[in-house]
PDB file of all heavy atoms in Angstrom:
ATOM      1  N   GLY A   1     -34.393  22.557  21.181  1.00  0.00           N
ATOM      2  CA  GLY A   1     -33.082  22.441  21.928  1.00  0.00           C
ATOM      3  C   GLY A   1     -33.027  21.366  22.759  1.00  0.00           C
ATOM      4  O   GLY A   1     -32.005  20.634  22.905  1.00  0.00           O
ATOM      5  N   THR A   2     -34.190  20.896  23.435  1.00  0.00           N
ATOM      6  CA  THR A   2     -34.169  19.629  24.267  1.00  0.00           C
ATOM      7  C   THR A   2     -34.031  18.468  23.305  1.00  0.00           C
ATOM      8  O   THR A   2     -33.169  17.566  23.714  1.00  0.00           O
ATOM      9  CB  THR A   2     -35.665  19.518  24.836  1.00  0.00           C
ATOM     10  OG1 THR A   2     -35.790  20.645  25.617  1.00  0.00           O
ATOM     11  CG2 THR A   2     -35.672  18.263  25.786  1.00  0.00           C
ATOM     12  N   LEU A   3     -34.557  18.424  22.097  1.00  0.00           N
ATOM     13  CA  LEU A   3     -34.434  17.364  21.162  1.00  0.00           C
ATOM     14  C   LEU A   3     -32.956  17.297  20.866  1.00  0.00           C
ATOM     15  O   LEU A   3     -32.300  16.178  20.678  1.00  0.00           O
ATOM     16  CB  LEU A   3     -35.232  17.617  19.963  1.00  0.00           C
ATOM     17  CG  LEU A   3     -35.061  16.528  18.824  1.00  0.00           C
ATOM     18  CD1 LEU A   3     -35.425  15.113  19.282  1.00  0.00           C
ATOM     19  CD2 LEU A   3     -35.936  16.989  17.666  1.00  0.00           C
ATOM     20  N   ALA A   4     -32.258  18.462  20.601  1.00  0.00           N
ATOM     21  CA  ALA A   4     -30.821  18.491  20.134  1.00  0.00           C
ATOM     22  C   ALA A   4     -29.882  17.834  21.233  1.00  0.00           C
ATOM     23  O   ALA A   4     -29.060  16.992  20.906  1.00  0.00           O
ATOM     24  CB  ALA A   4     -30.403  19.905  19.866  1.00  0.00           C
ATOM     25  N   LEU A   5     -30.213  18.261  22.489  1.00  0.00           N
ATOM     26  CA  LEU A   5     -29.343  17.693  23.615  1.00  0.00           C
ATOM     27  C   LEU A   5     -29.639  16.129  23.817  1.00  0.00           C
ATOM     28  O   LEU A   5     -28.728  15.423  23.887  1.00  0.00           O
ATOM     29  CB  LEU A   5     -29.792  18.344  24.912  1.00  0.00           C
ATOM     30  CG  LEU A   5     -29.391  19.812  25.069  1.00  0.00           C
ATOM     31  CD1 LEU A   5     -29.975  20.440  26.350  1.00  0.00           C
ATOM     32  CD2 LEU A   5     -27.925  19.934  25.062  1.00  0.00           C
ATOM     33  N   TYR A   6     -30.822  15.782  23.564  1.00  0.00           N
ATOM     34  CA  TYR A   6     -31.203  14.320  23.667  1.00  0.00           C
ATOM     35  C   TYR A   6     -30.404  13.557  22.415  1.00  0.00           C
ATOM     36  O   TYR A   6     -29.906  12.498  22.700  1.00  0.00           O
ATOM     37  CB  TYR A   6     -32.802  14.153  23.566  1.00  0.00           C
ATOM     38  CG  TYR A   6     -33.187  12.682  23.366  1.00  0.00           C
ATOM     39  CD1 TYR A   6     -33.270  11.888  24.492  1.00  0.00           C
ATOM     40  CD2 TYR A   6     -33.165  12.072  22.227  1.00  0.00           C
ATOM     41  CE1 TYR A   6     -33.758  10.562  24.434  1.00  0.00           C
ATOM     42  CE2 TYR A   6     -33.516  10.665  22.143  1.00  0.00           C
ATOM     43  CZ  TYR A   6     -33.846   9.904  23.278  1.00  0.00           C
ATOM     44  OH  TYR A   6     -34.186   8.712  23.206  1.00  0.00           O
ATOM     45  N   SER A   7     -30.365  14.210  21.314  1.00  0.00           N
ATOM     46  CA  SER A   7     -29.831  13.671  20.045  1.00  0.00           C
ATOM     47  C   SER A   7     -28.352  13.358  20.443  1.00  0.00           C
ATOM     48  O   SER A   7     -27.760  12.305  20.008  1.00  0.00           O
ATOM     49  CB  SER A   7     -30.116  14.414  18.960  1.00  0.00           C
ATOM     50  OG  SER A   7     -31.455  14.589  18.676  1.00  0.00           O
ATOM     51  N   VAL A   8     -27.668  14.287  20.998  1.00  0.00           N
ATOM     52  CA  VAL A   8     -26.246  14.285  21.182  1.00  0.00           C
ATOM     53  C   VAL A   8     -26.101  13.116  22.213  1.00  0.00           C
ATOM     54  O   VAL A   8     -25.055  12.220  22.044  1.00  0.00           O
ATOM     55  CB  VAL A   8     -25.829  15.477  21.744  1.00  0.00           C
ATOM     56  CG1 VAL A   8     -24.353  15.385  22.270  1.00  0.00           C
ATOM     57  CG2 VAL A   8     -25.734  16.629  20.714  1.00  0.00           C
ATOM     58  N   ALA A   9     -26.768  13.095  23.235  1.00  0.00           N
ATOM     59  CA  ALA A   9     -26.692  12.038  24.293  1.00  0.00           C
ATOM     60  C   ALA A   9     -26.963  10.568  23.753  1.00  0.00           C
ATOM     61  O   ALA A   9     -26.145   9.681  23.865  1.00  0.00           O
ATOM     62  CB  ALA A   9     -27.640  12.253  25.428  1.00  0.00           C
ATOM     63  N   ALA A  10     -27.931  10.561  22.758  1.00  0.00           N
ATOM     64  CA  ALA A  10     -28.316   9.287  22.088  1.00  0.00           C
ATOM     65  C   ALA A  10     -27.186   8.867  21.165  1.00  0.00           C
ATOM     66  O   ALA A  10     -26.912   7.654  21.013  1.00  0.00           O
ATOM     67  CB  ALA A  10     -29.661   9.367  21.400  1.00  0.00           C
ATOM     68  N   GLY A  11     -26.575   9.768  20.450  1.00  0.00           N
ATOM     69  CA  GLY A  11     -25.599   9.448  19.458  1.00  0.00           C
ATOM     70  C   GLY A  11     -24.395   8.928  20.156  1.00  0.00           C
ATOM     71  O   GLY A  11     -23.774   7.779  19.860  1.00  0.00           O
ATOM     72  N   ILE A  12     -23.943   9.525  21.189  1.00  0.00           N
ATOM     73  CA  ILE A  12     -22.860   9.045  22.018  1.00  0.00           C
ATOM     74  C   ILE A  12     -23.139   7.697  22.739  1.00  0.00           C
ATOM     75  O   ILE A  12     -22.279   6.846  22.735  1.00  0.00           O
ATOM     76  CB  ILE A  12     -22.517  10.182  23.116  1.00  0.00           C
ATOM     77  CG1 ILE A  12     -21.915  11.443  22.356  1.00  0.00           C
ATOM     78  CG2 ILE A  12     -21.291   9.645  24.032  1.00  0.00           C
ATOM     79  CD1 ILE A  12     -21.554  12.570  23.355  1.00  0.00           C
ATOM     80  N   GLY A  13     -24.331   7.694  23.337  1.00  0.00           N
ATOM     81  CA  GLY A  13     -24.730   6.413  24.008  1.00  0.00           C
ATOM     82  C   GLY A  13     -24.685   5.148  23.059  1.00  0.00           C
ATOM     83  O   GLY A  13     -24.222   4.203  23.509  1.00  0.00           O
ATOM     84  N   GLY A  14     -25.231   5.365  21.930  1.00  0.00           N
ATOM     85  CA  GLY A  14     -25.326   4.353  20.857  1.00  0.00           C
ATOM     86  C   GLY A  14     -23.820   3.877  20.551  1.00  0.00           C
ATOM     87  O   GLY A  14     -23.583   2.669  20.466  1.00  0.00           O
ATOM     88  N   ALA A  15     -22.967   4.823  20.238  1.00  0.00           N
ATOM     89  CA  ALA A  15     -21.701   4.557  19.987  1.00  0.00           C
ATOM     90  C   ALA A  15     -20.908   3.833  20.935  1.00  0.00           C
ATOM     91  O   ALA A  15     -20.116   2.946  20.685  1.00  0.00           O
ATOM     92  CB  ALA A  15     -20.868   5.841  19.501  1.00  0.00           C
ATOM     93  N   ILE A  16     -21.098   4.241  22.271  1.00  0.00           N
ATOM     94  CA  ILE A  16     -20.491   3.618  23.431  1.00  0.00           C
ATOM     95  C   ILE A  16     -20.869   2.086  23.413  1.00  0.00           C
ATOM     96  O   ILE A  16     -20.200   1.178  23.673  1.00  0.00           O
ATOM     97  CB  ILE A  16     -20.841   4.311  24.657  1.00  0.00           C
ATOM     98  CG1 ILE A  16     -20.031   5.545  24.700  1.00  0.00           C
ATOM     99  CG2 ILE A  16     -20.412   3.412  25.964  1.00  0.00           C
ATOM    100  CD1 ILE A  16     -20.452   6.498  25.965  1.00  0.00           C
ATOM    101  N   ILE A  17     -22.193   1.863  23.155  1.00  0.00           N
ATOM    102  CA  ILE A  17     -22.706   0.419  23.339  1.00  0.00           C
ATOM    103  C   ILE A  17     -22.176  -0.400  22.163  1.00  0.00           C
ATOM    104  O   ILE A  17     -21.638  -1.520  22.504  1.00  0.00           O
ATOM    105  CB  ILE A  17     -24.199   0.468  23.203  1.00  0.00           C
ATOM    106  CG1 ILE A  17     -24.806   1.137  24.500  1.00  0.00           C
ATOM    107  CG2 ILE A  17     -24.776  -0.925  23.044  1.00  0.00           C
ATOM    108  CD1 ILE A  17     -26.245   1.380  24.447  1.00  0.00           C
ATOM    109  N   VAL A  18     -22.205   0.012  21.068  1.00  0.00           N
ATOM    110  CA  VAL A  18     -21.718  -0.861  19.865  1.00  0.00           C
ATOM    111  C   VAL A  18     -20.273  -0.997  19.756  1.00  0.00           C
ATOM    112  O   VAL A  18     -19.713  -1.997  19.363  1.00  0.00           O
ATOM    113  CB  VAL A  18     -22.303  -0.293  18.550  1.00  0.00           C
ATOM    114  CG1 VAL A  18     -23.844  -0.384  18.581  1.00  0.00           C
ATOM    115  CG2 VAL A  18     -21.795   0.947  18.158  1.00  0.00           C
ATOM    116  N   GLN A  19     -19.472   0.050  20.323  1.00  0.00           N
ATOM    117  CA  GLN A  19     -18.077   0.003  20.146  1.00  0.00           C
ATOM    118  C   GLN A  19     -17.399  -0.583  21.518  1.00  0.00           C
ATOM    119  O   GLN A  19     -16.620  -1.472  21.496  1.00  0.00           O
ATOM    120  CB  GLN A  19     -17.459   1.359  19.823  1.00  0.00           C
ATOM    121  CG  GLN A  19     -17.712   1.691  18.260  1.00  0.00           C
ATOM    122  CD  GLN A  19     -16.832   2.780  17.842  1.00  0.00           C
ATOM    123  OE1 GLN A  19     -16.420   3.610  18.463  1.00  0.00           O
ATOM    124  NE2 GLN A  19     -16.558   2.715  16.434  1.00  0.00           N
ATOM    125  N   THR A  20     -17.655   0.143  22.607  1.00  0.00           N
ATOM    126  CA  THR A  20     -16.935  -0.109  23.873  1.00  0.00           C
ATOM    127  C   THR A  20     -17.620  -1.311  24.515  1.00  0.00           C
ATOM    128  O   THR A  20     -16.748  -2.299  24.968  1.00  0.00           O
ATOM    129  CB  THR A  20     -17.025   1.119  24.764  1.00  0.00           C
ATOM    130  OG1 THR A  20     -16.497   2.193  24.218  1.00  0.00           O
ATOM    131  CG2 THR A  20     -16.220   0.842  26.078  1.00  0.00           C
ATOM    132  N   ALA A  21     -18.879  -1.429  24.720  1.00  0.00           N
ATOM    133  CA  ALA A  21     -19.571  -2.422  25.452  1.00  0.00           C
ATOM    134  C   ALA A  21     -19.617  -3.745  24.687  1.00  0.00           C
ATOM    135  O   ALA A  21     -19.396  -4.877  25.214  1.00  0.00           O
ATOM    136  CB  ALA A  21     -20.962  -2.000  25.863  1.00  0.00           C
ATOM    137  N   LEU A  22     -20.118  -3.687  23.402  1.00  0.00           N
ATOM    138  CA  LEU A  22     -20.241  -4.868  22.582  1.00  0.00           C
ATOM    139  C   LEU A  22     -19.176  -5.156  21.525  1.00  0.00           C
ATOM    140  O   LEU A  22     -19.115  -6.322  21.048  1.00  0.00           O
ATOM    141  CB  LEU A  22     -21.653  -4.737  21.832  1.00  0.00           C
ATOM    142  CG  LEU A  22     -22.836  -4.572  22.740  1.00  0.00           C
ATOM    143  CD1 LEU A  22     -24.006  -4.516  22.069  1.00  0.00           C
ATOM    144  CD2 LEU A  22     -22.846  -5.742  23.783  1.00  0.00           C
ATOM    145  N   ASP A  23     -18.257  -4.255  21.251  1.00  0.00           N
ATOM    146  CA  ASP A  23     -17.211  -4.406  20.372  1.00  0.00           C
ATOM    147  C   ASP A  23     -17.862  -4.890  18.975  1.00  0.00           C
ATOM    148  O   ASP A  23     -17.245  -5.846  18.357  1.00  0.00           O
ATOM    149  CB  ASP A  23     -16.207  -5.431  20.777  1.00  0.00           C
ATOM    150  CG  ASP A  23     -14.894  -5.477  19.887  1.00  0.00           C
ATOM    151  OD1 ASP A  23     -14.697  -4.292  19.213  1.00  0.00           O
ATOM    152  OD2 ASP A  23     -14.170  -6.412  19.937  1.00  0.00           O
ATOM    153  N   ALA A  24     -19.018  -4.307  18.555  1.00  0.00           N
ATOM    154  CA  ALA A  24     -19.657  -4.739  17.318  1.00  0.00           C
ATOM    155  C   ALA A  24     -19.310  -4.040  16.162  1.00  0.00           C
ATOM    156  O   ALA A  24     -19.501  -4.550  14.939  1.00  0.00           O
ATOM    157  CB  ALA A  24     -21.128  -4.640  17.677  1.00  0.00           C
ATOM    158  N   LEU A  25     -18.804  -2.861  16.269  1.00  0.00           N
ATOM    159  CA  LEU A  25     -18.469  -1.999  15.100  1.00  0.00           C
ATOM    160  C   LEU A  25     -17.163  -1.341  15.232  1.00  0.00           C
ATOM    161  O   LEU A  25     -16.879  -0.653  16.292  1.00  0.00           O
ATOM    162  CB  LEU A  25     -19.566  -0.834  14.757  1.00  0.00           C
ATOM    163  CG  LEU A  25     -20.813  -1.318  14.236  1.00  0.00           C
ATOM    164  CD1 LEU A  25     -21.841  -0.144  13.971  1.00  0.00           C
ATOM    165  CD2 LEU A  25     -20.686  -1.982  12.819  1.00  0.00           C
TER     166      LEU A  25
END
């Protein structure tokens, strides 16, 4: 369950970085 919560946070965080912050994808 801890891994699942981490995974959701990591998925959202990665998408924010490549789309919102860097406009890469």
